[in-house]
């Protein structure tokens, strides 16, 4: 039962707009079953709207694209190209 839910989370997880370090952290959470889905939208740190709908993120997609910052750590790092391979 646990293995099935873990595999479905791995398939449905969207790991885009992340720097290399944050991508590795979220991949580890997925691999070892520590990744928890988000229950409700959170407030974006840049635009202060309730638009963050992905778990472990502090920036919404729009702000991450506009400022070219990682959506998890919020630092001005280059996006890891591999992270866009996880987007459905």
PDB file of N, CA and C in Angstrom:
ATOM      1  N   UNK A   1       0.830  -1.190   0.000  1.00  0.00           N
ATOM      2  CA  UNK A   1       0.000   0.000   0.000  1.00  0.00           C
ATOM      3  C   UNK A   1       0.874   1.254   0.000  1.00  0.00           C
ATOM      4  N   UNK A   2       1.856   1.286   0.906  1.00  0.00           N
ATOM      5  CA  UNK A   2       2.723   2.460   0.993  1.00  0.00           C
ATOM      6  C   UNK A   2       3.520   2.663  -0.287  1.00  0.00           C
ATOM      7  N   UNK A   3       3.995   1.560  -0.867  1.00  0.00           N
ATOM      8  CA  UNK A   3       4.794   1.651  -2.088  1.00  0.00           C
ATOM      9  C   UNK A   3       3.982   2.240  -3.238  1.00  0.00           C
ATOM     10  N   UNK A   4       2.683   1.895  -3.306  1.00  0.00           N
ATOM     11  CA  UNK A   4       1.828   2.405  -4.378  1.00  0.00           C
ATOM     12  C   UNK A   4       1.635   3.910  -4.258  1.00  0.00           C
ATOM     13  N   UNK A   5       1.390   4.387  -3.038  1.00  0.00           N
ATOM     14  CA  UNK A   5       1.192   5.819  -2.850  1.00  0.00           C
ATOM     15  C   UNK A   5       2.497   6.580  -3.087  1.00  0.00           C
ATOM     16  N   UNK A   6       3.613   5.974  -2.728  1.00  0.00           N
ATOM     17  CA  UNK A   6       4.916   6.596  -2.948  1.00  0.00           C
ATOM     18  C   UNK A   6       5.197   6.740  -4.439  1.00  0.00           C
ATOM     19  N   UNK A   7       4.867   5.711  -5.210  1.00  0.00           N
ATOM     20  CA  UNK A   7       5.087   5.762  -6.649  1.00  0.00           C
ATOM     21  C   UNK A   7       4.159   6.767  -7.320  1.00  0.00           C
ATOM     22  N   UNK A   8       2.928   6.878  -6.853  1.00  0.00           N
ATOM     23  CA  UNK A   8       2.010   7.851  -7.448  1.00  0.00           C
ATOM     24  C   UNK A   8       2.457   9.279  -7.137  1.00  0.00           C
ATOM     25  N   UNK A   9       3.005   9.505  -5.949  1.00  0.00           N
ATOM     26  CA  UNK A   9       3.545  10.829  -5.609  1.00  0.00           C
ATOM     27  C   UNK A   9       4.743  11.157  -6.483  1.00  0.00           C
ATOM     28  N   UNK A  10       5.595  10.181  -6.755  1.00  0.00           N
ATOM     29  CA  UNK A  10       6.762  10.415  -7.591  1.00  0.00           C
ATOM     30  C   UNK A  10       6.347  10.799  -9.008  1.00  0.00           C
ATOM     31  N   UNK A  11       5.272  10.216  -9.496  1.00  0.00           N
ATOM     32  CA  UNK A  11       4.811  10.524 -10.850  1.00  0.00           C
ATOM     33  C   UNK A  11       4.126  11.876 -10.921  1.00  0.00           C
ATOM     34  N   UNK A  12       3.424  12.263  -9.856  1.00  0.00           N
ATOM     35  CA  UNK A  12       2.649  13.499  -9.899  1.00  0.00           C
ATOM     36  C   UNK A  12       3.421  14.718  -9.400  1.00  0.00           C
ATOM     37  N   UNK A  13       4.591  14.531  -8.822  1.00  0.00           N
ATOM     38  CA  UNK A  13       5.361  15.658  -8.280  1.00  0.00           C
ATOM     39  C   UNK A  13       5.896  16.524  -9.418  1.00  0.00           C
ATOM     40  N   UNK A  14       5.722  17.825  -9.283  1.00  0.00           N
ATOM     41  CA  UNK A  14       6.225  18.773 -10.273  1.00  0.00           C
ATOM     42  C   UNK A  14       7.451  19.451  -9.679  1.00  0.00           C
ATOM     43  N   UNK A  15       8.620  19.141 -10.237  1.00  0.00           N
ATOM     44  CA  UNK A  15       9.876  19.677  -9.728  1.00  0.00           C
ATOM     45  C   UNK A  15      10.483  20.601 -10.781  1.00  0.00           C
ATOM     46  N   UNK A  16       9.876  21.747 -10.985  1.00  0.00           N
ATOM     47  CA  UNK A  16      10.405  22.702 -11.944  1.00  0.00           C
ATOM     48  C   UNK A  16      10.720  24.007 -11.243  1.00  0.00           C
ATOM     49  N   UNK A  17      11.492  24.855 -11.917  1.00  0.00           N
ATOM     50  CA  UNK A  17      11.926  26.154 -11.384  1.00  0.00           C
ATOM     51  C   UNK A  17      12.730  25.997 -10.093  1.00  0.00           C
ATOM     52  N   UNK A  18      13.661  25.046 -10.110  1.00  0.00           N
ATOM     53  CA  UNK A  18      14.493  24.766  -8.936  1.00  0.00           C
ATOM     54  C   UNK A  18      15.967  24.860  -9.299  1.00  0.00           C
ATOM     55  N   UNK A  19      16.774  25.293  -8.344  1.00  0.00           N
ATOM     56  CA  UNK A  19      18.217  25.248  -8.529  1.00  0.00           C
ATOM     57  C   UNK A  19      18.682  23.801  -8.311  1.00  0.00           C
ATOM     58  N   UNK A  20      19.923  23.551  -8.595  1.00  0.00           N
ATOM     59  CA  UNK A  20      20.445  22.183  -8.506  1.00  0.00           C
ATOM     60  C   UNK A  20      20.325  21.613  -7.096  1.00  0.00           C
ATOM     61  N   UNK A  21      20.670  22.410  -6.095  1.00  0.00           N
ATOM     62  CA  UNK A  21      20.638  21.936  -4.706  1.00  0.00           C
ATOM     63  C   UNK A  21      19.220  21.594  -4.266  1.00  0.00           C
ATOM     64  N   UNK A  22      18.271  22.462  -4.562  1.00  0.00           N
ATOM     65  CA  UNK A  22      16.877  22.235  -4.154  1.00  0.00           C
ATOM     66  C   UNK A  22      16.272  21.052  -4.906  1.00  0.00           C
ATOM     67  N   UNK A  23      16.650  20.892  -6.170  1.00  0.00           N
ATOM     68  CA  UNK A  23      16.175  19.745  -6.935  1.00  0.00           C
ATOM     69  C   UNK A  23      16.648  18.450  -6.293  1.00  0.00           C
ATOM     70  N   UNK A  24      17.902  18.405  -5.890  1.00  0.00           N
ATOM     71  CA  UNK A  24      18.436  17.202  -5.240  1.00  0.00           C
ATOM     72  C   UNK A  24      17.736  16.933  -3.916  1.00  0.00           C
ATOM     73  N   UNK A  25      17.416  17.988  -3.164  1.00  0.00           N
ATOM     74  CA  UNK A  25      16.712  17.816  -1.895  1.00  0.00           C
ATOM     75  C   UNK A  25      15.327  17.213  -2.108  1.00  0.00           C
ATOM     76  N   UNK A  26      14.581  17.725  -3.085  1.00  0.00           N
ATOM     77  CA  UNK A  26      13.235  17.210  -3.319  1.00  0.00           C
ATOM     78  C   UNK A  26      13.259  15.814  -3.932  1.00  0.00           C
ATOM     79  N   UNK A  27      14.265  15.515  -4.745  1.00  0.00           N
ATOM     80  CA  UNK A  27      14.404  14.164  -5.268  1.00  0.00           C
ATOM     81  C   UNK A  27      14.659  13.174  -4.129  1.00  0.00           C
ATOM     82  N   UNK A  28      15.462  13.584  -3.144  1.00  0.00           N
ATOM     83  CA  UNK A  28      15.722  12.729  -1.987  1.00  0.00           C
ATOM     84  C   UNK A  28      14.433  12.492  -1.217  1.00  0.00           C
ATOM     85  N   UNK A  29      13.633  13.548  -1.000  1.00  0.00           N
ATOM     86  CA  UNK A  29      12.357  13.400  -0.288  1.00  0.00           C
ATOM     87  C   UNK A  29      11.435  12.427  -1.025  1.00  0.00           C
ATOM     88  N   UNK A  30      11.399  12.506  -2.340  1.00  0.00           N
ATOM     89  CA  UNK A  30      10.572  11.585  -3.117  1.00  0.00           C
ATOM     90  C   UNK A  30      11.087  10.152  -3.005  1.00  0.00           C
ATOM     91  N   UNK A  31      12.388   9.994  -3.077  1.00  0.00           N
ATOM     92  CA  UNK A  31      12.985   8.658  -3.065  1.00  0.00           C
ATOM     93  C   UNK A  31      12.728   7.928  -1.747  1.00  0.00           C
ATOM     94  N   UNK A  32      12.800   8.656  -0.638  1.00  0.00           N
ATOM     95  CA  UNK A  32      12.680   8.022   0.668  1.00  0.00           C
ATOM     96  C   UNK A  32      11.316   8.215   1.327  1.00  0.00           C
ATOM     97  N   UNK A  33      10.338   8.694   0.579  1.00  0.00           N
ATOM     98  CA  UNK A  33       8.980   8.777   1.094  1.00  0.00           C
ATOM     99  C   UNK A  33       8.734   9.908   2.076  1.00  0.00           C
ATOM    100  N   UNK A  34       9.553  10.934   2.062  1.00  0.00           N
ATOM    101  CA  UNK A  34       9.400  12.073   2.970  1.00  0.00           C
ATOM    102  C   UNK A  34       8.642  13.231   2.330  1.00  0.00           C
ATOM    103  N   UNK A  35       8.372  13.161   1.040  1.00  0.00           N
ATOM    104  CA  UNK A  35       7.690  14.230   0.299  1.00  0.00           C
ATOM    105  C   UNK A  35       6.214  14.252   0.678  1.00  0.00           C
ATOM    106  N   UNK A  36       5.742  15.374   1.156  1.00  0.00           N
ATOM    107  CA  UNK A  36       4.343  15.520   1.551  1.00  0.00           C
ATOM    108  C   UNK A  36       3.652  16.502   0.618  1.00  0.00           C
ATOM    109  N   UNK A  37       2.489  16.159   0.095  1.00  0.00           N
ATOM    110  CA  UNK A  37       1.765  17.096  -0.777  1.00  0.00           C
ATOM    111  C   UNK A  37       1.232  18.290   0.019  1.00  0.00           C
ATOM    112  N   UNK A  38       1.005  19.384  -0.661  1.00  0.00           N
ATOM    113  CA  UNK A  38       0.509  20.600  -0.015  1.00  0.00           C
ATOM    114  C   UNK A  38      -1.002  20.477   0.162  1.00  0.00           C
ATOM    115  N   UNK A  39      -1.507  21.004   1.259  1.00  0.00           N
ATOM    116  CA  UNK A  39      -2.945  20.908   1.543  1.00  0.00           C
ATOM    117  C   UNK A  39      -3.700  22.160   1.094  1.00  0.00           C
ATOM    118  N   UNK A  40      -3.081  23.316   1.213  1.00  0.00           N
ATOM    119  CA  UNK A  40      -3.725  24.573   0.826  1.00  0.00           C
ATOM    120  C   UNK A  40      -2.676  25.505   0.234  1.00  0.00           C
ATOM    121  N   UNK A  41      -3.131  26.463  -0.546  1.00  0.00           N
ATOM    122  CA  UNK A  41      -2.213  27.426  -1.153  1.00  0.00           C
ATOM    123  C   UNK A  41      -1.552  28.281  -0.081  1.00  0.00           C
ATOM    124  N   UNK A  42      -0.290  28.652  -0.340  1.00  0.00           N
ATOM    125  CA  UNK A  42       0.459  29.487   0.599  1.00  0.00           C
ATOM    126  C   UNK A  42       0.749  30.834  -0.043  1.00  0.00           C
ATOM    127  N   UNK A  43       1.221  31.752   0.775  1.00  0.00           N
ATOM    128  CA  UNK A  43       1.514  33.105   0.311  1.00  0.00           C
ATOM    129  C   UNK A  43       2.906  33.171  -0.316  1.00  0.00           C
ATOM    130  N   UNK A  44       2.986  33.776  -1.488  1.00  0.00           N
ATOM    131  CA  UNK A  44       4.255  33.989  -2.173  1.00  0.00           C
ATOM    132  C   UNK A  44       5.045  35.066  -1.437  1.00  0.00           C
ATOM    133  N   UNK A  45       6.350  34.881  -1.315  1.00  0.00           N
ATOM    134  CA  UNK A  45       7.192  35.830  -0.593  1.00  0.00           C
ATOM    135  C   UNK A  45       7.441  37.120  -1.369  1.00  0.00           C
ATOM    136  N   UNK A  46       7.298  37.093  -2.695  1.00  0.00           N
ATOM    137  CA  UNK A  46       7.535  38.294  -3.506  1.00  0.00           C
ATOM    138  C   UNK A  46       6.257  39.102  -3.709  1.00  0.00           C
ATOM    139  N   UNK A  47       5.209  38.463  -4.233  1.00  0.00           N
ATOM    140  CA  UNK A  47       3.988  39.202  -4.594  1.00  0.00           C
ATOM    141  C   UNK A  47       2.944  39.202  -3.479  1.00  0.00           C
ATOM    142  N   UNK A  48       3.146  38.429  -2.438  1.00  0.00           N
ATOM    143  CA  UNK A  48       2.265  38.312  -1.267  1.00  0.00           C
ATOM    144  C   UNK A  48       0.832  37.900  -1.606  1.00  0.00           C
ATOM    145  N   UNK A  49       0.642  37.199  -2.708  1.00  0.00           N
ATOM    146  CA  UNK A  49      -0.660  36.618  -3.036  1.00  0.00           C
ATOM    147  C   UNK A  49      -0.642  35.146  -2.660  1.00  0.00           C
ATOM    148  N   UNK A  50      -1.799  34.584  -2.463  1.00  0.00           N
ATOM    149  CA  UNK A  50      -1.911  33.158  -2.114  1.00  0.00           C
ATOM    150  C   UNK A  50      -1.833  32.309  -3.392  1.00  0.00           C
ATOM    151  N   UNK A  51      -0.664  32.257  -4.001  1.00  0.00           N
ATOM    152  CA  UNK A  51      -0.518  31.599  -5.294  1.00  0.00           C
ATOM    153  C   UNK A  51       0.466  30.439  -5.296  1.00  0.00           C
ATOM    154  N   UNK A  52       1.080  30.128  -4.178  1.00  0.00           N
ATOM    155  CA  UNK A  52       2.027  29.015  -4.119  1.00  0.00           C
ATOM    156  C   UNK A  52       1.232  27.728  -3.911  1.00  0.00           C
ATOM    157  N   UNK A  53       1.206  26.880  -4.942  1.00  0.00           N
ATOM    158  CA  UNK A  53       0.400  25.664  -4.884  1.00  0.00           C
ATOM    159  C   UNK A  53       1.247  24.387  -4.931  1.00  0.00           C
ATOM    160  N   UNK A  54       2.566  24.535  -4.880  1.00  0.00           N
ATOM    161  CA  UNK A  54       3.454  23.375  -4.871  1.00  0.00           C
ATOM    162  C   UNK A  54       4.093  23.255  -3.492  1.00  0.00           C
ATOM    163  N   UNK A  55       4.302  22.039  -3.009  1.00  0.00           N
ATOM    164  CA  UNK A  55       4.901  21.871  -1.677  1.00  0.00           C
ATOM    165  C   UNK A  55       6.360  22.320  -1.650  1.00  0.00           C
ATOM    166  N   UNK A  56       6.799  22.779  -0.493  1.00  0.00           N
ATOM    167  CA  UNK A  56       8.182  23.185  -0.228  1.00  0.00           C
ATOM    168  C   UNK A  56       8.615  24.382  -1.067  1.00  0.00           C
ATOM    169  N   UNK A  57       7.707  25.239  -1.461  1.00  0.00           N
ATOM    170  CA  UNK A  57       8.053  26.408  -2.279  1.00  0.00           C
ATOM    171  C   UNK A  57       7.744  27.689  -1.523  1.00  0.00           C
ATOM    172  N   UNK A  58       8.486  28.746  -1.835  1.00  0.00           N
ATOM    173  CA  UNK A  58       8.231  30.052  -1.234  1.00  0.00           C
ATOM    174  C   UNK A  58       7.846  31.091  -2.287  1.00  0.00           C
ATOM    175  N   UNK A  59       8.072  30.779  -3.572  1.00  0.00           N
ATOM    176  CA  UNK A  59       7.723  31.692  -4.656  1.00  0.00           C
ATOM    177  C   UNK A  59       6.738  31.015  -5.604  1.00  0.00           C
ATOM    178  N   UNK A  60       5.804  31.799  -6.125  1.00  0.00           N
ATOM    179  CA  UNK A  60       4.892  31.264  -7.140  1.00  0.00           C
ATOM    180  C   UNK A  60       5.648  31.158  -8.466  1.00  0.00           C
ATOM    181  N   UNK A  61       5.057  30.471  -9.428  1.00  0.00           N
ATOM    182  CA  UNK A  61       5.707  30.265 -10.718  1.00  0.00           C
ATOM    183  C   UNK A  61       5.997  31.584 -11.427  1.00  0.00           C
ATOM    184  N   UNK A  62       5.049  32.513 -11.376  1.00  0.00           N
ATOM    185  CA  UNK A  62       5.212  33.794 -12.068  1.00  0.00           C
ATOM    186  C   UNK A  62       6.379  34.583 -11.488  1.00  0.00           C
ATOM    187  N   UNK A  63       6.456  34.681 -10.172  1.00  0.00           N
ATOM    188  CA  UNK A  63       7.551  35.421  -9.530  1.00  0.00           C
ATOM    189  C   UNK A  63       8.896  34.734  -9.756  1.00  0.00           C
ATOM    190  N   UNK A  64       8.924  33.415  -9.742  1.00  0.00           N
ATOM    191  CA  UNK A  64      10.165  32.684  -9.982  1.00  0.00           C
ATOM    192  C   UNK A  64      10.658  32.940 -11.404  1.00  0.00           C
ATOM    193  N   UNK A  65       9.745  32.981 -12.364  1.00  0.00           N
ATOM    194  CA  UNK A  65      10.135  33.257 -13.746  1.00  0.00           C
ATOM    195  C   UNK A  65      10.571  34.709 -13.926  1.00  0.00           C
ATOM    196  N   UNK A  66       9.853  35.640 -13.322  1.00  0.00           N
ATOM    197  CA  UNK A  66      10.170  37.061 -13.474  1.00  0.00           C
ATOM    198  C   UNK A  66      11.515  37.416 -12.849  1.00  0.00           C
ATOM    199  N   UNK A  67      11.777  36.913 -11.657  1.00  0.00           N
ATOM    200  CA  UNK A  67      13.005  37.265 -10.947  1.00  0.00           C
ATOM    201  C   UNK A  67      14.140  36.293 -11.209  1.00  0.00           C
ATOM    202  N   UNK A  68      13.875  35.203 -11.925  1.00  0.00           N
ATOM    203  CA  UNK A  68      14.856  34.156 -12.210  1.00  0.00           C
ATOM    204  C   UNK A  68      15.469  33.605 -10.920  1.00  0.00           C
ATOM    205  N   UNK A  69      14.608  33.403  -9.922  1.00  0.00           N
ATOM    206  CA  UNK A  69      15.017  32.845  -8.636  1.00  0.00           C
ATOM    207  C   UNK A  69      14.464  31.432  -8.490  1.00  0.00           C
ATOM    208  N   UNK A  70      15.140  30.632  -7.708  1.00  0.00           N
ATOM    209  CA  UNK A  70      14.666  29.296  -7.381  1.00  0.00           C
ATOM    210  C   UNK A  70      13.367  29.422  -6.596  1.00  0.00           C
ATOM    211  N   UNK A  71      12.367  28.623  -6.940  1.00  0.00           N
ATOM    212  CA  UNK A  71      11.074  28.745  -6.271  1.00  0.00           C
ATOM    213  C   UNK A  71      11.060  28.111  -4.877  1.00  0.00           C
ATOM    214  N   UNK A  72      12.097  27.359  -4.517  1.00  0.00           N
ATOM    215  CA  UNK A  72      12.154  26.757  -3.186  1.00  0.00           C
ATOM    216  C   UNK A  72      12.974  27.604  -2.216  1.00  0.00           C
ATOM    217  N   UNK A  73      14.196  27.929  -2.581  1.00  0.00           N
ATOM    218  CA  UNK A  73      15.047  28.686  -1.654  1.00  0.00           C
ATOM    219  C   UNK A  73      14.925  30.192  -1.856  1.00  0.00           C
ATOM    220  N   UNK A  74      14.456  30.630  -3.014  1.00  0.00           N
ATOM    221  CA  UNK A  74      14.264  32.054  -3.264  1.00  0.00           C
ATOM    222  C   UNK A  74      15.543  32.793  -3.618  1.00  0.00           C
ATOM    223  N   UNK A  75      16.651  32.088  -3.782  1.00  0.00           N
ATOM    224  CA  UNK A  75      17.911  32.732  -4.126  1.00  0.00           C
ATOM    225  C   UNK A  75      18.044  32.870  -5.631  1.00  0.00           C
ATOM    226  N   UNK A  76      18.801  33.856  -6.035  1.00  0.00           N
ATOM    227  CA  UNK A  76      18.965  34.146  -7.461  1.00  0.00           C
ATOM    228  C   UNK A  76      19.996  33.194  -8.058  1.00  0.00           C
ATOM    229  N   UNK A  77      19.565  31.973  -8.275  1.00  0.00           N
ATOM    230  CA  UNK A  77      20.432  30.947  -8.860  1.00  0.00           C
ATOM    231  C   UNK A  77      19.856  30.549 -10.213  1.00  0.00           C
ATOM    232  N   UNK A  78      20.680  29.946 -11.003  1.00  0.00           N
ATOM    233  CA  UNK A  78      20.237  29.491 -12.315  1.00  0.00           C
ATOM    234  C   UNK A  78      19.382  28.237 -12.151  1.00  0.00           C
ATOM    235  N   UNK A  79      18.285  28.158 -12.918  1.00  0.00           N
ATOM    236  CA  UNK A  79      17.437  26.969 -12.875  1.00  0.00           C
ATOM    237  C   UNK A  79      18.211  25.781 -13.415  1.00  0.00           C
ATOM    238  N   UNK A  80      18.024  24.641 -12.794  1.00  0.00           N
ATOM    239  CA  UNK A  80      18.610  23.412 -13.304  1.00  0.00           C
ATOM    240  C   UNK A  80      17.736  22.926 -14.455  1.00  0.00           C
ATOM    241  N   UNK A  81      18.330  22.730 -15.613  1.00  0.00           N
ATOM    242  CA  UNK A  81      17.571  22.319 -16.795  1.00  0.00           C
ATOM    243  C   UNK A  81      16.895  20.978 -16.553  1.00  0.00           C
ATOM    244  N   UNK A  82      17.549  20.117 -15.783  1.00  0.00           N
ATOM    245  CA  UNK A  82      16.976  18.801 -15.476  1.00  0.00           C
ATOM    246  C   UNK A  82      15.655  18.918 -14.715  1.00  0.00           C
ATOM    247  N   UNK A  83      15.492  20.006 -13.976  1.00  0.00           N
ATOM    248  CA  UNK A  83      14.275  20.148 -13.174  1.00  0.00           C
ATOM    249  C   UNK A  83      13.034  20.287 -14.061  1.00  0.00           C
ATOM    250  N   UNK A  84      13.178  20.790 -15.263  1.00  0.00           N
ATOM    251  CA  UNK A  84      12.023  20.950 -16.138  1.00  0.00           C
ATOM    252  C   UNK A  84      11.597  19.625 -16.771  1.00  0.00           C
ATOM    253  N   UNK A  85      12.418  18.585 -16.654  1.00  0.00           N
ATOM    254  CA  UNK A  85      12.044  17.267 -17.158  1.00  0.00           C
ATOM    255  C   UNK A  85      10.976  16.631 -16.280  1.00  0.00           C
ATOM    256  N   UNK A  86      10.797  17.111 -15.052  1.00  0.00           N
ATOM    257  CA  UNK A  86       9.822  16.535 -14.136  1.00  0.00           C
ATOM    258  C   UNK A  86       8.439  17.140 -14.311  1.00  0.00           C
ATOM    259  N   UNK A  87       8.323  18.247 -15.025  1.00  0.00           N
ATOM    260  CA  UNK A  87       7.033  18.897 -15.194  1.00  0.00           C
ATOM    261  C   UNK A  87       6.127  18.038 -16.065  1.00  0.00           C
ATOM    262  N   UNK A  88       4.879  17.816 -15.662  1.00  0.00           N
ATOM    263  CA  UNK A  88       3.992  16.973 -16.468  1.00  0.00           C
ATOM    264  C   UNK A  88       3.504  17.693 -17.717  1.00  0.00           C
TER     265      UNK A  88
END
